[in-house]
């Protein structure tokens, strides 16, 4: 399973657009793909028609140790799953500040998925910061894609 983090500390450079289109393109090519929305704004989830309201499980539930990764990934399109985000995800920075192994929560959550070979690709849409969510994506990833805007 290839795990790709799409990250840049700057906002507005196309991380979400790149993540969503890369995931959709791979799914269209016949690959099994999961897009993990790690941005509390949740735009990657919304682009794929997944809105996290009320009791909908989100990636925040994984960080809060309330759900397994398999319990939050939702089928959005054929061969394309989404682990959606919502504003609760913003609390992760504070909640994990003193937690041991806080930088490998996502990697541990994905271990079972990797062993079971559920997906061919995991694409992680990172927030525009180098906080605990992005660090988790980087430790879980075996590849990093950094979109840039040329000047």
C-alpha atoms as a PDB file:
ATOM      1  CA  UNK A   1       0.000   0.000   0.000  1.00  0.00           C
ATOM      2  CA  UNK A   2       1.359   3.388  -0.965  1.00  0.00           C
ATOM      3  CA  UNK A   3       0.686   6.177   1.540  1.00  0.00           C
ATOM      4  CA  UNK A   4       1.060   9.661   0.101  1.00  0.00           C
ATOM      5  CA  UNK A   5       0.894  12.830   2.200  1.00  0.00           C
ATOM      6  CA  UNK A   6      -0.026  15.957   0.246  1.00  0.00           C
ATOM      7  CA  UNK A   7       1.362  18.781   2.345  1.00  0.00           C
ATOM      8  CA  UNK A   8       2.628  22.327   2.342  1.00  0.00           C
ATOM      9  CA  UNK A   9       2.706  24.730   5.277  1.00  0.00           C
ATOM     10  CA  UNK A  10       1.169  27.416   3.083  1.00  0.00           C
ATOM     11  CA  UNK A  11      -2.539  27.561   2.401  1.00  0.00           C
ATOM     12  CA  UNK A  12      -4.046  28.046  -1.039  1.00  0.00           C
ATOM     13  CA  UNK A  13      -1.432  26.093  -2.988  1.00  0.00           C
ATOM     14  CA  UNK A  14      -3.758  23.320  -4.151  1.00  0.00           C
ATOM     15  CA  UNK A  15      -3.296  20.583  -1.541  1.00  0.00           C
ATOM     16  CA  UNK A  16      -6.971  19.659  -1.402  1.00  0.00           C
ATOM     17  CA  UNK A  17      -7.474  19.926  -5.162  1.00  0.00           C
ATOM     18  CA  UNK A  18      -4.415  17.752  -5.732  1.00  0.00           C
ATOM     19  CA  UNK A  19      -5.478  15.210  -3.099  1.00  0.00           C
ATOM     20  CA  UNK A  20      -9.035  14.848  -4.385  1.00  0.00           C
ATOM     21  CA  UNK A  21      -8.051  14.639  -8.053  1.00  0.00           C
ATOM     22  CA  UNK A  22      -5.190  12.224  -7.383  1.00  0.00           C
ATOM     23  CA  UNK A  23      -7.488   9.965  -5.351  1.00  0.00           C
ATOM     24  CA  UNK A  24     -10.294  10.124  -7.932  1.00  0.00           C
ATOM     25  CA  UNK A  25      -7.889   9.504 -10.811  1.00  0.00           C
ATOM     26  CA  UNK A  26      -6.359   6.467  -9.137  1.00  0.00           C
ATOM     27  CA  UNK A  27      -9.826   5.085  -8.355  1.00  0.00           C
ATOM     28  CA  UNK A  28     -10.896   5.636 -11.950  1.00  0.00           C
ATOM     29  CA  UNK A  29      -7.780   3.706 -13.019  1.00  0.00           C
ATOM     30  CA  UNK A  30      -9.037   0.724 -11.010  1.00  0.00           C
ATOM     31  CA  UNK A  31      -7.072   1.218  -7.786  1.00  0.00           C
ATOM     32  CA  UNK A  32      -8.632   0.978  -4.327  1.00  0.00           C
ATOM     33  CA  UNK A  33      -8.033   4.372  -2.714  1.00  0.00           C
ATOM     34  CA  UNK A  34      -8.755   5.966   0.635  1.00  0.00           C
ATOM     35  CA  UNK A  35      -8.535   9.731   1.003  1.00  0.00           C
ATOM     36  CA  UNK A  36      -7.881  10.863   4.571  1.00  0.00           C
ATOM     37  CA  UNK A  37      -9.041  14.423   5.156  1.00  0.00           C
ATOM     38  CA  UNK A  38      -6.763  15.833   7.868  1.00  0.00           C
ATOM     39  CA  UNK A  39      -7.804  19.463   7.410  1.00  0.00           C
ATOM     40  CA  UNK A  40     -10.443  20.533   9.974  1.00  0.00           C
ATOM     41  CA  UNK A  41     -12.121  22.604   7.237  1.00  0.00           C
ATOM     42  CA  UNK A  42     -13.141  19.289   5.656  1.00  0.00           C
ATOM     43  CA  UNK A  43     -13.067  20.481   2.051  1.00  0.00           C
ATOM     44  CA  UNK A  44     -11.651  17.226   0.653  1.00  0.00           C
ATOM     45  CA  UNK A  45     -14.575  15.376   2.232  1.00  0.00           C
ATOM     46  CA  UNK A  46     -17.050  17.892   0.829  1.00  0.00           C
ATOM     47  CA  UNK A  47     -15.545  17.662  -2.678  1.00  0.00           C
ATOM     48  CA  UNK A  48     -16.378  13.961  -2.645  1.00  0.00           C
ATOM     49  CA  UNK A  49     -19.896  14.502  -1.309  1.00  0.00           C
ATOM     50  CA  UNK A  50     -19.195  13.355   2.253  1.00  0.00           C
ATOM     51  CA  UNK A  51     -20.448  15.715   4.939  1.00  0.00           C
ATOM     52  CA  UNK A  52     -19.654  14.933   8.551  1.00  0.00           C
ATOM     53  CA  UNK A  53     -22.551  15.996  10.755  1.00  0.00           C
ATOM     54  CA  UNK A  54     -23.757  14.799  14.132  1.00  0.00           C
ATOM     55  CA  UNK A  55     -23.000  11.127  14.633  1.00  0.00           C
ATOM     56  CA  UNK A  56     -21.008  10.640  11.420  1.00  0.00           C
ATOM     57  CA  UNK A  57     -17.660   9.045  12.336  1.00  0.00           C
ATOM     58  CA  UNK A  58     -14.654  11.153  11.312  1.00  0.00           C
ATOM     59  CA  UNK A  59     -10.880  10.884  11.410  1.00  0.00           C
ATOM     60  CA  UNK A  60     -11.075  12.831  14.677  1.00  0.00           C
ATOM     61  CA  UNK A  61     -12.610   9.709  16.239  1.00  0.00           C
ATOM     62  CA  UNK A  62      -9.422   7.818  15.362  1.00  0.00           C
ATOM     63  CA  UNK A  63      -7.218  10.445  17.023  1.00  0.00           C
ATOM     64  CA  UNK A  64      -9.538  10.472  20.060  1.00  0.00           C
ATOM     65  CA  UNK A  65      -9.306   6.639  20.207  1.00  0.00           C
ATOM     66  CA  UNK A  66     -13.091   6.263  19.850  1.00  0.00           C
ATOM     67  CA  UNK A  67     -13.077   4.400  16.524  1.00  0.00           C
ATOM     68  CA  UNK A  68     -10.753   2.284  14.423  1.00  0.00           C
ATOM     69  CA  UNK A  69      -9.701   3.558  11.019  1.00  0.00           C
ATOM     70  CA  UNK A  70     -11.969   0.987   9.399  1.00  0.00           C
ATOM     71  CA  UNK A  71     -14.859   2.466  11.392  1.00  0.00           C
ATOM     72  CA  UNK A  72     -14.527   5.935   9.869  1.00  0.00           C
ATOM     73  CA  UNK A  73     -13.701   5.285   6.197  1.00  0.00           C
ATOM     74  CA  UNK A  74     -16.833   5.712   4.054  1.00  0.00           C
ATOM     75  CA  UNK A  75     -17.349   4.679   0.453  1.00  0.00           C
ATOM     76  CA  UNK A  76     -17.751   7.904  -1.546  1.00  0.00           C
ATOM     77  CA  UNK A  77     -17.482   6.538  -5.072  1.00  0.00           C
ATOM     78  CA  UNK A  78     -16.615   3.239  -6.682  1.00  0.00           C
ATOM     79  CA  UNK A  79     -13.194   2.168  -5.309  1.00  0.00           C
ATOM     80  CA  UNK A  80     -12.823   5.479  -3.414  1.00  0.00           C
ATOM     81  CA  UNK A  81     -13.269   5.768   0.343  1.00  0.00           C
ATOM     82  CA  UNK A  82     -13.021   8.901   2.475  1.00  0.00           C
ATOM     83  CA  UNK A  83     -12.071   9.264   6.121  1.00  0.00           C
ATOM     84  CA  UNK A  84     -13.842  12.610   6.586  1.00  0.00           C
ATOM     85  CA  UNK A  85     -12.865  15.578   8.711  1.00  0.00           C
ATOM     86  CA  UNK A  86     -14.898  18.086  10.645  1.00  0.00           C
ATOM     87  CA  UNK A  87     -14.134  21.052  12.894  1.00  0.00           C
ATOM     88  CA  UNK A  88     -13.663  18.762  15.914  1.00  0.00           C
ATOM     89  CA  UNK A  89     -10.361  17.767  14.334  1.00  0.00           C
ATOM     90  CA  UNK A  90      -8.949  21.179  15.273  1.00  0.00           C
ATOM     91  CA  UNK A  91      -9.027  20.086  18.930  1.00  0.00           C
ATOM     92  CA  UNK A  92      -6.533  17.310  18.211  1.00  0.00           C
ATOM     93  CA  UNK A  93      -3.567  19.655  18.607  1.00  0.00           C
ATOM     94  CA  UNK A  94      -4.515  20.463  22.198  1.00  0.00           C
ATOM     95  CA  UNK A  95      -5.788  17.024  23.134  1.00  0.00           C
ATOM     96  CA  UNK A  96      -2.596  15.261  22.065  1.00  0.00           C
ATOM     97  CA  UNK A  97      -0.111  17.865  23.316  1.00  0.00           C
ATOM     98  CA  UNK A  98       1.033  15.695  26.243  1.00  0.00           C
ATOM     99  CA  UNK A  99       0.187  12.295  24.778  1.00  0.00           C
ATOM    100  CA  UNK A 100       2.940   9.741  24.409  1.00  0.00           C
ATOM    101  CA  UNK A 101       3.545   8.692  20.778  1.00  0.00           C
ATOM    102  CA  UNK A 102       1.229  11.488  19.592  1.00  0.00           C
ATOM    103  CA  UNK A 103       3.089  11.699  16.282  1.00  0.00           C
ATOM    104  CA  UNK A 104       2.353   8.063  15.309  1.00  0.00           C
ATOM    105  CA  UNK A 105      -1.367   7.755  16.098  1.00  0.00           C
ATOM    106  CA  UNK A 106      -2.313   7.657  12.409  1.00  0.00           C
ATOM    107  CA  UNK A 107       0.490   5.267  11.482  1.00  0.00           C
ATOM    108  CA  UNK A 108      -0.677   2.822  14.161  1.00  0.00           C
ATOM    109  CA  UNK A 109      -4.290   3.170  12.991  1.00  0.00           C
ATOM    110  CA  UNK A 110      -3.256   2.329   9.428  1.00  0.00           C
ATOM    111  CA  UNK A 111      -1.198  -0.735  10.400  1.00  0.00           C
ATOM    112  CA  UNK A 112      -4.212  -3.071  10.294  1.00  0.00           C
ATOM    113  CA  UNK A 113      -5.346  -1.620   6.977  1.00  0.00           C
ATOM    114  CA  UNK A 114      -1.860  -2.182   5.547  1.00  0.00           C
ATOM    115  CA  UNK A 115      -1.716  -5.772   6.784  1.00  0.00           C
ATOM    116  CA  UNK A 116      -5.141  -6.578   5.337  1.00  0.00           C
ATOM    117  CA  UNK A 117      -4.278  -4.850   2.036  1.00  0.00           C
ATOM    118  CA  UNK A 118      -7.635  -3.073   1.987  1.00  0.00           C
ATOM    119  CA  UNK A 119      -6.389  -0.210  -0.218  1.00  0.00           C
ATOM    120  CA  UNK A 120      -3.786   0.185  -2.933  1.00  0.00           C
ATOM    121  CA  UNK A 121      -3.312   3.860  -2.056  1.00  0.00           C
ATOM    122  CA  UNK A 122      -3.940   6.111   0.913  1.00  0.00           C
ATOM    123  CA  UNK A 123      -3.869   9.829   0.093  1.00  0.00           C
ATOM    124  CA  UNK A 124      -3.667  12.239   3.036  1.00  0.00           C
ATOM    125  CA  UNK A 125      -4.819  15.837   2.561  1.00  0.00           C
ATOM    126  CA  UNK A 126      -2.888  17.813   5.200  1.00  0.00           C
ATOM    127  CA  UNK A 127      -3.811  21.121   6.847  1.00  0.00           C
ATOM    128  CA  UNK A 128      -1.684  24.203   6.064  1.00  0.00           C
ATOM    129  CA  UNK A 129       0.528  23.879   9.146  1.00  0.00           C
ATOM    130  CA  UNK A 130       3.223  21.677  10.605  1.00  0.00           C
ATOM    131  CA  UNK A 131       1.193  20.659  13.651  1.00  0.00           C
ATOM    132  CA  UNK A 132       0.408  17.229  15.050  1.00  0.00           C
ATOM    133  CA  UNK A 133      -1.976  16.319  12.193  1.00  0.00           C
ATOM    134  CA  UNK A 134       0.631  16.966   9.496  1.00  0.00           C
ATOM    135  CA  UNK A 135       3.350  15.255  11.533  1.00  0.00           C
ATOM    136  CA  UNK A 136       1.057  12.211  11.828  1.00  0.00           C
ATOM    137  CA  UNK A 137       0.586  12.192   8.057  1.00  0.00           C
ATOM    138  CA  UNK A 138       4.334  12.437   7.488  1.00  0.00           C
ATOM    139  CA  UNK A 139       5.086   9.548   9.841  1.00  0.00           C
ATOM    140  CA  UNK A 140       2.373   7.400   8.228  1.00  0.00           C
ATOM    141  CA  UNK A 141       3.437   8.254   4.660  1.00  0.00           C
ATOM    142  CA  UNK A 142       6.036   6.557   2.550  1.00  0.00           C
ATOM    143  CA  UNK A 143       5.802   9.362  -0.015  1.00  0.00           C
ATOM    144  CA  UNK A 144       5.230  13.128   0.237  1.00  0.00           C
ATOM    145  CA  UNK A 145       3.818  15.345  -2.482  1.00  0.00           C
ATOM    146  CA  UNK A 146       4.324  19.102  -2.034  1.00  0.00           C
ATOM    147  CA  UNK A 147       2.242  21.260  -4.393  1.00  0.00           C
ATOM    148  CA  UNK A 148       3.697  24.700  -5.100  1.00  0.00           C
ATOM    149  CA  UNK A 149       2.490  27.836  -6.808  1.00  0.00           C
ATOM    150  CA  UNK A 150       5.151  29.200  -9.157  1.00  0.00           C
ATOM    151  CA  UNK A 151       5.946  32.878  -8.915  1.00  0.00           C
END
